[in-house]
Every structure is written in C-alpha cells, then in structure tokens.
Amino acid sequence: MSRERETTAFWVSREILPHEPSVRAWLARRWNDTIDHDDVIQEAYCRIAALPSIDHIRNGRAYFFTTARAIVMDMFRQAKVVNQTDVTEIEFLDVEDEQPLADRVTVGRQELKRIDGVLGSLSATCRRVIELRRLHGLSQKETAHKLGISEHSVENHVTRGVRKVMKIIADQDGGSHG
C-alpha cells in the first residue's frame, strides 16, 4: 500500500469513522426506511477512500455528511423520485461543507473515469455486481435476485472487487505519482 493510501486510511479512521453513528442517525431521521442506510455508509467510505488526496478536506465530519447527502441525492435521482423542494431545503444540509462544489465535481469526474477503467480488470460477474450496487443503486437482495446468485455471493463480489480496485489504484498512485 502506498504511503498516501496509508495516510488516507489513518485519516479516515481518525476523522471519518467516529462520525458514522451521527451520519446513521441523521439518515434514519431524515429518510427513515426510504433508503438503505448501510448502502449509503458503505458508498461514502468507498468514495472517500477512492479520493486521490485528502489534503483539500478541512472538516472530516462535514465531508462525511456531505458525501452521504450526495449519495442519497444520487440514489433519488436514479430512482427519479426526488421532490425538488426536499432537495433545496436548508435543513437538508445539516452540516455545511467548506469546499467549493466545482472542485469536488472535477475531482469526482476524474476519479470516476479512473475507477471505470479499473473496473474493466474485474471478472464480468464482479463488475456487474458492483455496477448494480453502486451505479444503479440496487440493494444487495435486489442484486442477488437479478443475477441469480446468493446475497452472500453479492457481498463477496463487492468486497473482493473493492479491494482489487483499491489495490490497483494504490499501485497506480505508487507507480505514476511516486
């Protein structure tokens, strides 16, 4: 694992992980059973772990909340059921992020392009599981049903796939930036 990835992992354990109960409670208060809280939390960790750098983040708690909010909005957009007034309510923000939106969008697009390339190295089933779970927002149960595999297999594919993606990214970072 590259030095930068080790630094990121340590930072996540110190600045993000302690706020998981608060984010879960906020998700439960705000959306109750409308969304799968575990999916949002897992996706937030994946997005944060995939960042090329954490240097731009000034407040881990705010960044975690903002990432979770963005994931929920993505889920609603994908389901096409979001109520525009809900999205624009001030209370929806709960925690303000200090980072400019344009920077996050640019970094996110670059990282998405990079991860898409890396996903091509996964087995067809593993890639399909990750696409259904992460890109289409299907639950673990829905993904299992759609692919005709067990929920345990879905969980294993996600775990192995994310590990492989993270390793490839760490290798790329070590090889091209170090």
Protein backbone atom coordinates (compact mmCIF):
# COMPACT_ATOMS: atom_id res chain seq x y z
CA MET A 1 0.00 0.00 0.00
CA SER A 2 1.36 3.42 -0.92
CA ARG A 3 2.27 5.96 1.72
CA GLU A 4 -0.57 8.23 0.57
CA ARG A 5 -3.12 5.39 0.90
CA GLU A 6 -1.80 4.59 4.39
CA THR A 7 -2.16 8.25 5.32
CA THR A 8 -5.70 8.28 3.93
CA ALA A 9 -6.61 5.10 5.82
CA PHE A 10 -5.30 6.55 9.08
CA TRP A 11 -7.09 9.84 8.44
CA VAL A 12 -10.39 8.04 7.71
CA SER A 13 -10.09 6.05 10.94
CA ARG A 14 -9.46 9.24 12.91
CA GLU A 15 -11.61 11.86 11.14
CA ILE A 16 -14.45 9.93 9.47
CA LEU A 17 -15.14 6.66 11.30
CA PRO A 18 -16.03 8.29 14.66
CA HIS A 19 -18.87 10.17 12.94
CA GLU A 20 -20.56 7.09 11.46
CA PRO A 21 -23.16 6.86 14.28
CA SER A 22 -24.10 10.52 13.75
CA VAL A 23 -24.43 10.04 9.99
CA ARG A 24 -26.53 6.90 10.51
CA ALA A 25 -28.80 8.72 12.97
CA TRP A 26 -29.18 11.62 10.55
CA LEU A 27 -30.02 9.25 7.69
CA ALA A 28 -32.61 7.50 9.88
CA ARG A 29 -34.19 10.80 10.98
CA ARG A 30 -34.24 12.28 7.52
CA TRP A 31 -35.22 9.29 5.36
CA ASN A 32 -36.28 6.57 7.80
CA ASP A 33 -36.82 3.44 5.65
CA THR A 34 -36.76 5.24 2.29
CA ILE A 35 -33.10 4.35 1.72
CA ASP A 36 -30.71 1.58 2.74
CA HIS A 37 -28.52 3.28 5.35
CA ASP A 38 -25.84 0.58 5.08
CA ASP A 39 -25.55 1.19 1.34
CA VAL A 40 -25.11 4.93 1.86
CA ILE A 41 -22.46 4.45 4.55
CA GLN A 42 -20.55 1.85 2.51
CA GLU A 43 -20.66 4.02 -0.61
CA ALA A 44 -19.46 7.04 1.40
CA TYR A 45 -16.45 5.06 2.63
CA CYS A 46 -15.73 3.89 -0.94
CA ARG A 47 -15.89 7.42 -2.32
CA ILE A 48 -13.71 8.85 0.42
CA ALA A 49 -11.20 6.01 0.17
CA ALA A 50 -11.00 6.49 -3.61
CA LEU A 51 -10.03 10.16 -3.35
CA PRO A 52 -6.60 10.81 -4.84
CA SER A 53 -5.86 13.11 -1.91
CA ILE A 54 -7.48 14.27 1.33
CA ASP A 55 -5.46 17.47 1.54
CA HIS A 56 -8.43 19.59 0.46
CA ILE A 57 -10.68 18.36 3.29
CA ARG A 58 -10.73 20.73 6.26
CA ASN A 59 -13.56 19.13 8.25
CA GLY A 60 -13.91 15.33 8.13
CA ARG A 61 -17.32 15.33 9.79
CA ALA A 62 -18.74 17.86 7.34
CA TYR A 63 -17.20 16.00 4.41
CA PHE A 64 -18.73 12.69 5.58
CA PHE A 65 -22.19 14.25 5.93
CA THR A 66 -21.89 15.99 2.57
CA THR A 67 -20.75 12.77 0.89
CA ALA A 68 -23.67 10.85 2.41
CA ARG A 69 -26.09 13.58 1.29
CA ALA A 70 -24.68 13.46 -2.26
CA ILE A 71 -25.09 9.67 -2.33
CA VAL A 72 -28.72 9.92 -1.22
CA MET A 73 -29.37 12.55 -3.86
CA ASP A 74 -27.75 10.30 -6.48
CA MET A 75 -29.96 7.42 -5.32
CA PHE A 76 -33.08 9.55 -5.61
CA ARG A 77 -32.04 10.90 -9.00
CA GLN A 78 -31.51 7.37 -10.23
CA ALA A 79 -34.93 6.37 -8.91
CA LYS A 80 -36.41 9.60 -10.30
CA VAL A 81 -38.49 10.10 -7.16
CA VAL A 82 -36.82 13.10 -5.56
CA ASN A 83 -39.02 16.02 -4.60
CA GLN A 84 -37.23 19.22 -5.61
CA THR A 85 -38.35 21.12 -2.50
CA ASP A 86 -36.84 18.41 -0.30
CA VAL A 87 -33.50 18.77 -2.06
CA THR A 88 -33.35 22.52 -1.65
CA GLU A 89 -34.43 22.80 2.00
CA ILE A 90 -31.80 24.43 4.21
CA GLU A 91 -32.28 21.79 6.92
CA PHE A 92 -31.28 19.18 4.37
CA LEU A 93 -27.69 20.38 4.52
CA ASP A 94 -27.44 19.72 8.29
CA VAL A 95 -23.69 20.32 8.08
CA GLU A 96 -22.05 22.81 5.79
CA ASP A 97 -19.10 21.72 3.69
CA GLU A 98 -16.33 24.26 3.28
CA GLN A 99 -15.15 23.02 -0.11
CA PRO A 100 -16.19 24.61 -3.41
CA LEU A 101 -18.58 22.42 -5.39
CA ALA A 102 -16.67 22.83 -8.67
CA ASP A 103 -13.52 21.31 -7.15
CA ARG A 104 -15.40 18.28 -5.85
CA VAL A 105 -17.17 17.81 -9.17
CA THR A 106 -13.91 17.93 -11.11
CA VAL A 107 -12.14 15.53 -8.75
CA GLY A 108 -15.18 13.25 -8.75
CA ARG A 109 -15.35 13.10 -12.54
CA GLN A 110 -11.65 12.36 -12.84
CA GLU A 111 -11.87 9.64 -10.20
CA LEU A 112 -14.99 8.13 -11.78
CA LYS A 113 -13.22 7.90 -15.14
CA ARG A 114 -10.22 6.31 -13.45
CA ILE A 115 -12.31 3.80 -11.49
CA ASP A 116 -14.32 2.90 -14.59
CA GLY A 117 -11.06 1.94 -16.29
CA VAL A 118 -10.00 -0.10 -13.27
CA LEU A 119 -13.39 -1.88 -13.14
CA GLY A 120 -12.57 -3.31 -16.55
CA SER A 121 -9.99 -5.54 -14.87
CA LEU A 122 -12.62 -7.32 -12.75
CA SER A 123 -14.42 -10.51 -13.69
CA ALA A 124 -17.68 -9.98 -15.57
CA THR A 125 -19.79 -11.07 -12.57
CA CYS A 126 -17.84 -8.95 -10.11
CA ARG A 127 -18.09 -5.89 -12.35
CA ARG A 128 -21.83 -6.47 -12.86
CA VAL A 129 -22.41 -6.77 -9.10
CA ILE A 130 -20.56 -3.53 -8.45
CA GLU A 131 -22.39 -1.77 -11.29
CA LEU A 132 -25.79 -2.87 -10.00
CA ARG A 133 -24.97 -2.00 -6.38
CA ARG A 134 -23.01 1.22 -6.86
CA LEU A 135 -24.14 2.69 -10.16
CA HIS A 136 -27.77 1.57 -10.27
CA GLY A 137 -28.34 1.69 -6.51
CA LEU A 138 -29.81 -1.79 -6.17
CA SER A 139 -29.82 -3.35 -2.72
CA GLN A 140 -27.82 -6.46 -2.00
CA LYS A 141 -31.03 -8.53 -2.14
CA GLU A 142 -32.15 -6.98 -5.46
CA THR A 143 -28.71 -7.53 -6.98
CA ALA A 144 -28.68 -11.17 -5.88
CA HIS A 145 -32.14 -11.75 -7.33
CA LYS A 146 -31.32 -10.02 -10.63
CA LEU A 147 -28.11 -12.05 -11.13
CA GLY A 148 -29.47 -15.31 -9.74
CA ILE A 149 -26.80 -15.57 -7.04
CA SER A 150 -26.90 -15.55 -3.25
CA GLU A 151 -26.73 -12.36 -1.20
CA HIS A 152 -23.55 -13.76 0.33
CA SER A 153 -22.03 -14.00 -3.16
CA VAL A 154 -23.02 -10.39 -3.84
CA GLU A 155 -21.31 -9.32 -0.61
CA ASN A 156 -18.18 -11.32 -1.50
CA HIS A 157 -18.02 -9.86 -5.03
CA VAL A 158 -18.35 -6.31 -3.68
CA THR A 159 -15.70 -6.90 -1.03
CA ARG A 160 -13.22 -8.55 -3.40
CA GLY A 161 -13.95 -6.09 -6.18
CA VAL A 162 -13.49 -3.02 -4.00
CA ARG A 163 -10.27 -4.48 -2.56
CA LYS A 164 -8.93 -5.16 -6.05
CA VAL A 165 -9.91 -1.69 -7.25
CA MET A 166 -8.24 -0.10 -4.21
CA LYS A 167 -5.07 -2.16 -4.76
CA ILE A 168 -4.87 -1.23 -8.43
CA ILE A 169 -5.40 2.44 -7.59
CA ALA A 170 -2.77 2.29 -4.84
CA ASP A 171 -0.36 0.60 -7.29
CA GLN A 172 -1.08 3.25 -9.93
CA ASP A 173 -0.55 6.03 -7.41
CA GLY A 174 2.72 4.47 -6.28
CA GLY A 175 3.88 3.86 -9.83
CA SER A 176 2.83 7.08 -11.54
CA HIS A 177 2.91 9.66 -8.74
CA GLY A 178 5.73 8.43 -6.55
